[in-house]
């Protein structure tokens, strides 16, 4: 397993198993204690909240946008592809895209799961993306979302409660 924390200066550090970039330090190596340096979330960006899933990590940034990194086999990073992020050089900081949750919409909460991610938005709706083999996205089907282009943003339906 691995863990992440938002520090009192709003920076993020992750440590533990780092086999697929979930630690966000540009390598596929594990770290047995919090590293000296924080994760670079982009120029001037800090974190409000971080969630560590099975092998991917997501953070709500200070501007209420979302960034996710790590394992992405099922689109759980919400970036429209299945490429891992955070396991190679030049994949974090400003090179890590913001998750498209819709125009003018911001995130209030985030939860990274096994191979999917859910977020509560500022309009009180809930969206989920990633693996959906058991209906875990709550959309009444078994279609994976976030792994192909055009599946996020306004094209990602909210869960009907």
C-alpha atoms as a PDB file:
ATOM      1  CA  UNK A   1       0.000   0.000   0.000  1.00  0.00           C
ATOM      2  CA  UNK A   2       0.880   3.651  -0.015  1.00  0.00           C
ATOM      3  CA  UNK A   3      -0.254   6.866   1.645  1.00  0.00           C
ATOM      4  CA  UNK A   4      -0.440  10.571   0.809  1.00  0.00           C
ATOM      5  CA  UNK A   5      -0.931  13.651   2.950  1.00  0.00           C
ATOM      6  CA  UNK A   6      -1.598  17.357   2.479  1.00  0.00           C
ATOM      7  CA  UNK A   7       0.861  19.205   4.724  1.00  0.00           C
ATOM      8  CA  UNK A   8       0.225  22.431   6.631  1.00  0.00           C
ATOM      9  CA  UNK A   9       1.747  24.415   3.742  1.00  0.00           C
ATOM     10  CA  UNK A  10      -0.805  22.793   1.352  1.00  0.00           C
ATOM     11  CA  UNK A  11       1.857  20.692  -0.379  1.00  0.00           C
ATOM     12  CA  UNK A  12       1.395  16.946  -0.987  1.00  0.00           C
ATOM     13  CA  UNK A  13       3.758  14.107  -0.121  1.00  0.00           C
ATOM     14  CA  UNK A  14       3.229  10.417  -0.898  1.00  0.00           C
ATOM     15  CA  UNK A  15       5.200   7.383   0.272  1.00  0.00           C
ATOM     16  CA  UNK A  16       5.016   3.580   0.188  1.00  0.00           C
ATOM     17  CA  UNK A  17       4.451   1.388  -2.891  1.00  0.00           C
ATOM     18  CA  UNK A  18       5.329   3.355  -6.010  1.00  0.00           C
ATOM     19  CA  UNK A  19       5.203   0.821  -8.814  1.00  0.00           C
ATOM     20  CA  UNK A  20       2.979   2.747 -11.282  1.00  0.00           C
ATOM     21  CA  UNK A  21       3.550   6.433 -10.559  1.00  0.00           C
ATOM     22  CA  UNK A  22       1.023   6.817  -7.739  1.00  0.00           C
ATOM     23  CA  UNK A  23       3.650   8.611  -5.626  1.00  0.00           C
ATOM     24  CA  UNK A  24       4.005  11.306  -8.299  1.00  0.00           C
ATOM     25  CA  UNK A  25       7.808  11.535  -8.163  1.00  0.00           C
ATOM     26  CA  UNK A  26       8.504  10.497 -11.775  1.00  0.00           C
ATOM     27  CA  UNK A  27       9.694   6.964 -11.055  1.00  0.00           C
ATOM     28  CA  UNK A  28       8.332   3.460 -10.507  1.00  0.00           C
ATOM     29  CA  UNK A  29      10.029   3.041  -7.152  1.00  0.00           C
ATOM     30  CA  UNK A  30       8.786   2.741  -3.611  1.00  0.00           C
ATOM     31  CA  UNK A  31       9.666   5.191  -0.833  1.00  0.00           C
ATOM     32  CA  UNK A  32       9.691   3.956   2.764  1.00  0.00           C
ATOM     33  CA  UNK A  33       9.083   7.343   4.436  1.00  0.00           C
ATOM     34  CA  UNK A  34       7.783  10.776   3.401  1.00  0.00           C
ATOM     35  CA  UNK A  35      10.244  12.208   0.855  1.00  0.00           C
ATOM     36  CA  UNK A  36      12.061  15.518   1.302  1.00  0.00           C
ATOM     37  CA  UNK A  37      10.376  17.102  -1.701  1.00  0.00           C
ATOM     38  CA  UNK A  38       6.669  17.591  -2.311  1.00  0.00           C
ATOM     39  CA  UNK A  39       4.763  16.647  -5.449  1.00  0.00           C
ATOM     40  CA  UNK A  40       4.821  19.402  -8.059  1.00  0.00           C
ATOM     41  CA  UNK A  41       1.157  20.067  -8.900  1.00  0.00           C
ATOM     42  CA  UNK A  42       1.888  22.937 -11.295  1.00  0.00           C
ATOM     43  CA  UNK A  43       3.067  26.531 -11.157  1.00  0.00           C
ATOM     44  CA  UNK A  44       1.614  28.216  -8.097  1.00  0.00           C
ATOM     45  CA  UNK A  45      -0.709  25.275  -7.355  1.00  0.00           C
ATOM     46  CA  UNK A  46      -1.252  23.785  -3.914  1.00  0.00           C
ATOM     47  CA  UNK A  47      -3.669  21.136  -2.653  1.00  0.00           C
ATOM     48  CA  UNK A  48      -6.791  21.312  -0.520  1.00  0.00           C
ATOM     49  CA  UNK A  49      -7.380  17.561  -0.367  1.00  0.00           C
ATOM     50  CA  UNK A  50      -5.771  14.328  -1.580  1.00  0.00           C
ATOM     51  CA  UNK A  51      -7.212  10.832  -1.992  1.00  0.00           C
ATOM     52  CA  UNK A  52      -5.093   7.701  -2.451  1.00  0.00           C
ATOM     53  CA  UNK A  53      -6.808   4.869  -4.298  1.00  0.00           C
ATOM     54  CA  UNK A  54      -5.473   1.391  -4.961  1.00  0.00           C
ATOM     55  CA  UNK A  55      -2.800   2.596  -7.411  1.00  0.00           C
ATOM     56  CA  UNK A  56      -3.768   6.147  -8.358  1.00  0.00           C
ATOM     57  CA  UNK A  57      -3.946   9.439  -6.501  1.00  0.00           C
ATOM     58  CA  UNK A  58      -6.172  12.487  -7.000  1.00  0.00           C
ATOM     59  CA  UNK A  59      -5.985  15.946  -5.478  1.00  0.00           C
ATOM     60  CA  UNK A  60      -8.317  18.910  -5.317  1.00  0.00           C
ATOM     61  CA  UNK A  61      -6.127  21.919  -5.978  1.00  0.00           C
ATOM     62  CA  UNK A  62      -6.352  25.366  -4.397  1.00  0.00           C
ATOM     63  CA  UNK A  63      -8.424  26.570  -7.382  1.00  0.00           C
ATOM     64  CA  UNK A  64     -10.859  23.619  -6.896  1.00  0.00           C
ATOM     65  CA  UNK A  65      -9.694  21.856 -10.052  1.00  0.00           C
ATOM     66  CA  UNK A  66      -8.662  18.183 -10.019  1.00  0.00           C
ATOM     67  CA  UNK A  67      -5.446  16.430 -10.940  1.00  0.00           C
ATOM     68  CA  UNK A  68      -4.928  12.654 -10.832  1.00  0.00           C
ATOM     69  CA  UNK A  69      -1.794  10.546 -11.348  1.00  0.00           C
ATOM     70  CA  UNK A  70      -0.647   6.937 -11.144  1.00  0.00           C
ATOM     71  CA  UNK A  71      -2.128   3.782 -12.692  1.00  0.00           C
ATOM     72  CA  UNK A  72      -4.617   4.456 -15.482  1.00  0.00           C
ATOM     73  CA  UNK A  73      -5.527   1.104 -17.057  1.00  0.00           C
ATOM     74  CA  UNK A  74      -9.255   1.899 -16.876  1.00  0.00           C
ATOM     75  CA  UNK A  75      -9.258   5.674 -17.294  1.00  0.00           C
ATOM     76  CA  UNK A  76      -9.426   6.296 -13.530  1.00  0.00           C
ATOM     77  CA  UNK A  77      -7.284   9.415 -14.005  1.00  0.00           C
ATOM     78  CA  UNK A  78     -10.080  10.928 -16.146  1.00  0.00           C
ATOM     79  CA  UNK A  79      -7.701  12.138 -18.848  1.00  0.00           C
ATOM     80  CA  UNK A  80      -9.255  10.445 -21.887  1.00  0.00           C
ATOM     81  CA  UNK A  81      -6.596   7.766 -22.255  1.00  0.00           C
ATOM     82  CA  UNK A  82      -5.055   4.789 -20.465  1.00  0.00           C
ATOM     83  CA  UNK A  83      -1.515   6.142 -19.997  1.00  0.00           C
ATOM     84  CA  UNK A  84      -0.057   6.107 -16.498  1.00  0.00           C
ATOM     85  CA  UNK A  85       1.107   9.470 -15.160  1.00  0.00           C
ATOM     86  CA  UNK A  86       3.696  10.289 -12.496  1.00  0.00           C
ATOM     87  CA  UNK A  87       5.974   7.376 -13.332  1.00  0.00           C
ATOM     88  CA  UNK A  88       8.172   9.180 -15.867  1.00  0.00           C
ATOM     89  CA  UNK A  89      10.011  12.467 -16.087  1.00  0.00           C
ATOM     90  CA  UNK A  90       8.026  15.515 -17.231  1.00  0.00           C
ATOM     91  CA  UNK A  91       4.624  13.977 -16.392  1.00  0.00           C
ATOM     92  CA  UNK A  92       3.774  16.023 -13.300  1.00  0.00           C
ATOM     93  CA  UNK A  93       3.698  19.803 -12.613  1.00  0.00           C
ATOM     94  CA  UNK A  94       2.216  21.840 -15.484  1.00  0.00           C
ATOM     95  CA  UNK A  95       2.507  18.770 -17.763  1.00  0.00           C
ATOM     96  CA  UNK A  96      -0.136  16.890 -15.771  1.00  0.00           C
ATOM     97  CA  UNK A  97      -3.526  17.845 -17.239  1.00  0.00           C
ATOM     98  CA  UNK A  98      -6.439  18.972 -15.126  1.00  0.00           C
ATOM     99  CA  UNK A  99      -9.364  16.518 -15.105  1.00  0.00           C
ATOM    100  CA  UNK A 100     -12.246  17.875 -17.218  1.00  0.00           C
ATOM    101  CA  UNK A 101     -15.249  17.888 -14.862  1.00  0.00           C
ATOM    102  CA  UNK A 102     -17.215  20.427 -16.922  1.00  0.00           C
ATOM    103  CA  UNK A 103     -16.958  24.071 -17.815  1.00  0.00           C
ATOM    104  CA  UNK A 104     -17.287  26.429 -14.865  1.00  0.00           C
ATOM    105  CA  UNK A 105     -17.670  23.535 -12.419  1.00  0.00           C
ATOM    106  CA  UNK A 106     -15.353  22.886  -9.489  1.00  0.00           C
ATOM    107  CA  UNK A 107     -14.751  19.962  -7.133  1.00  0.00           C
ATOM    108  CA  UNK A 108     -15.796  19.884  -3.480  1.00  0.00           C
ATOM    109  CA  UNK A 109     -14.694  16.333  -2.655  1.00  0.00           C
ATOM    110  CA  UNK A 110     -12.793  13.493  -4.331  1.00  0.00           C
ATOM    111  CA  UNK A 111     -12.508   9.772  -3.661  1.00  0.00           C
ATOM    112  CA  UNK A 112     -10.055   7.549  -5.524  1.00  0.00           C
ATOM    113  CA  UNK A 113     -11.190   3.921  -5.445  1.00  0.00           C
ATOM    114  CA  UNK A 114      -9.737   0.678  -6.716  1.00  0.00           C
ATOM    115  CA  UNK A 115      -9.832   1.528 -10.438  1.00  0.00           C
ATOM    116  CA  UNK A 116     -12.363   4.360 -10.462  1.00  0.00           C
ATOM    117  CA  UNK A 117     -12.740   7.870  -9.069  1.00  0.00           C
ATOM    118  CA  UNK A 118     -15.767   9.871  -7.871  1.00  0.00           C
ATOM    119  CA  UNK A 119     -16.143  13.563  -7.143  1.00  0.00           C
ATOM    120  CA  UNK A 120     -18.792  15.747  -5.526  1.00  0.00           C
ATOM    121  CA  UNK A 121     -19.066  18.958  -7.538  1.00  0.00           C
ATOM    122  CA  UNK A 122     -19.946  22.494  -6.484  1.00  0.00           C
ATOM    123  CA  UNK A 123     -23.421  22.057  -7.998  1.00  0.00           C
ATOM    124  CA  UNK A 124     -23.974  19.142  -5.529  1.00  0.00           C
ATOM    125  CA  UNK A 125     -23.891  16.531  -8.305  1.00  0.00           C
ATOM    126  CA  UNK A 126     -21.689  13.436  -8.186  1.00  0.00           C
ATOM    127  CA  UNK A 127     -19.656  12.149 -11.108  1.00  0.00           C
ATOM    128  CA  UNK A 128     -17.573   8.987 -11.378  1.00  0.00           C
ATOM    129  CA  UNK A 129     -15.158   7.686 -13.998  1.00  0.00           C
ATOM    130  CA  UNK A 130     -12.877   4.697 -14.573  1.00  0.00           C
ATOM    131  CA  UNK A 131     -13.613   0.969 -14.399  1.00  0.00           C
ATOM    132  CA  UNK A 132     -17.315   0.128 -14.341  1.00  0.00           C
ATOM    133  CA  UNK A 133     -17.391  -3.679 -14.608  1.00  0.00           C
ATOM    134  CA  UNK A 134     -19.734  -3.964 -11.609  1.00  0.00           C
ATOM    135  CA  UNK A 135     -21.672  -0.728 -12.118  1.00  0.00           C
ATOM    136  CA  UNK A 136     -19.523   1.132  -9.570  1.00  0.00           C
ATOM    137  CA  UNK A 137     -19.886   4.400 -11.522  1.00  0.00           C
ATOM    138  CA  UNK A 138     -23.606   4.424 -10.624  1.00  0.00           C
ATOM    139  CA  UNK A 139     -24.778   5.094 -14.166  1.00  0.00           C
ATOM    140  CA  UNK A 140     -26.922   2.004 -14.734  1.00  0.00           C
ATOM    141  CA  UNK A 141     -24.528   0.286 -17.115  1.00  0.00           C
ATOM    142  CA  UNK A 142     -21.129  -1.401 -17.232  1.00  0.00           C
ATOM    143  CA  UNK A 143     -19.324   1.016 -19.584  1.00  0.00           C
ATOM    144  CA  UNK A 144     -15.909   2.271 -18.496  1.00  0.00           C
ATOM    145  CA  UNK A 145     -15.541   6.052 -18.752  1.00  0.00           C
ATOM    146  CA  UNK A 146     -12.558   8.407 -18.785  1.00  0.00           C
ATOM    147  CA  UNK A 147     -10.408   6.102 -20.906  1.00  0.00           C
ATOM    148  CA  UNK A 148     -11.353   7.596 -24.289  1.00  0.00           C
ATOM    149  CA  UNK A 149     -11.620  11.077 -25.730  1.00  0.00           C
ATOM    150  CA  UNK A 150     -14.930  12.895 -25.346  1.00  0.00           C
ATOM    151  CA  UNK A 151     -16.016  10.935 -22.258  1.00  0.00           C
ATOM    152  CA  UNK A 152     -15.388  13.555 -19.569  1.00  0.00           C
ATOM    153  CA  UNK A 153     -16.723  17.074 -18.937  1.00  0.00           C
ATOM    154  CA  UNK A 154     -20.258  17.680 -20.169  1.00  0.00           C
ATOM    155  CA  UNK A 155     -20.288  14.159 -21.683  1.00  0.00           C
ATOM    156  CA  UNK A 156     -19.902  12.465 -18.298  1.00  0.00           C
ATOM    157  CA  UNK A 157     -23.376  12.057 -16.751  1.00  0.00           C
ATOM    158  CA  UNK A 158     -23.954  12.755 -13.091  1.00  0.00           C
ATOM    159  CA  UNK A 159     -25.253   9.966 -10.872  1.00  0.00           C
ATOM    160  CA  UNK A 160     -29.027  10.099 -10.477  1.00  0.00           C
ATOM    161  CA  UNK A 161     -29.825   9.775  -6.803  1.00  0.00           C
END
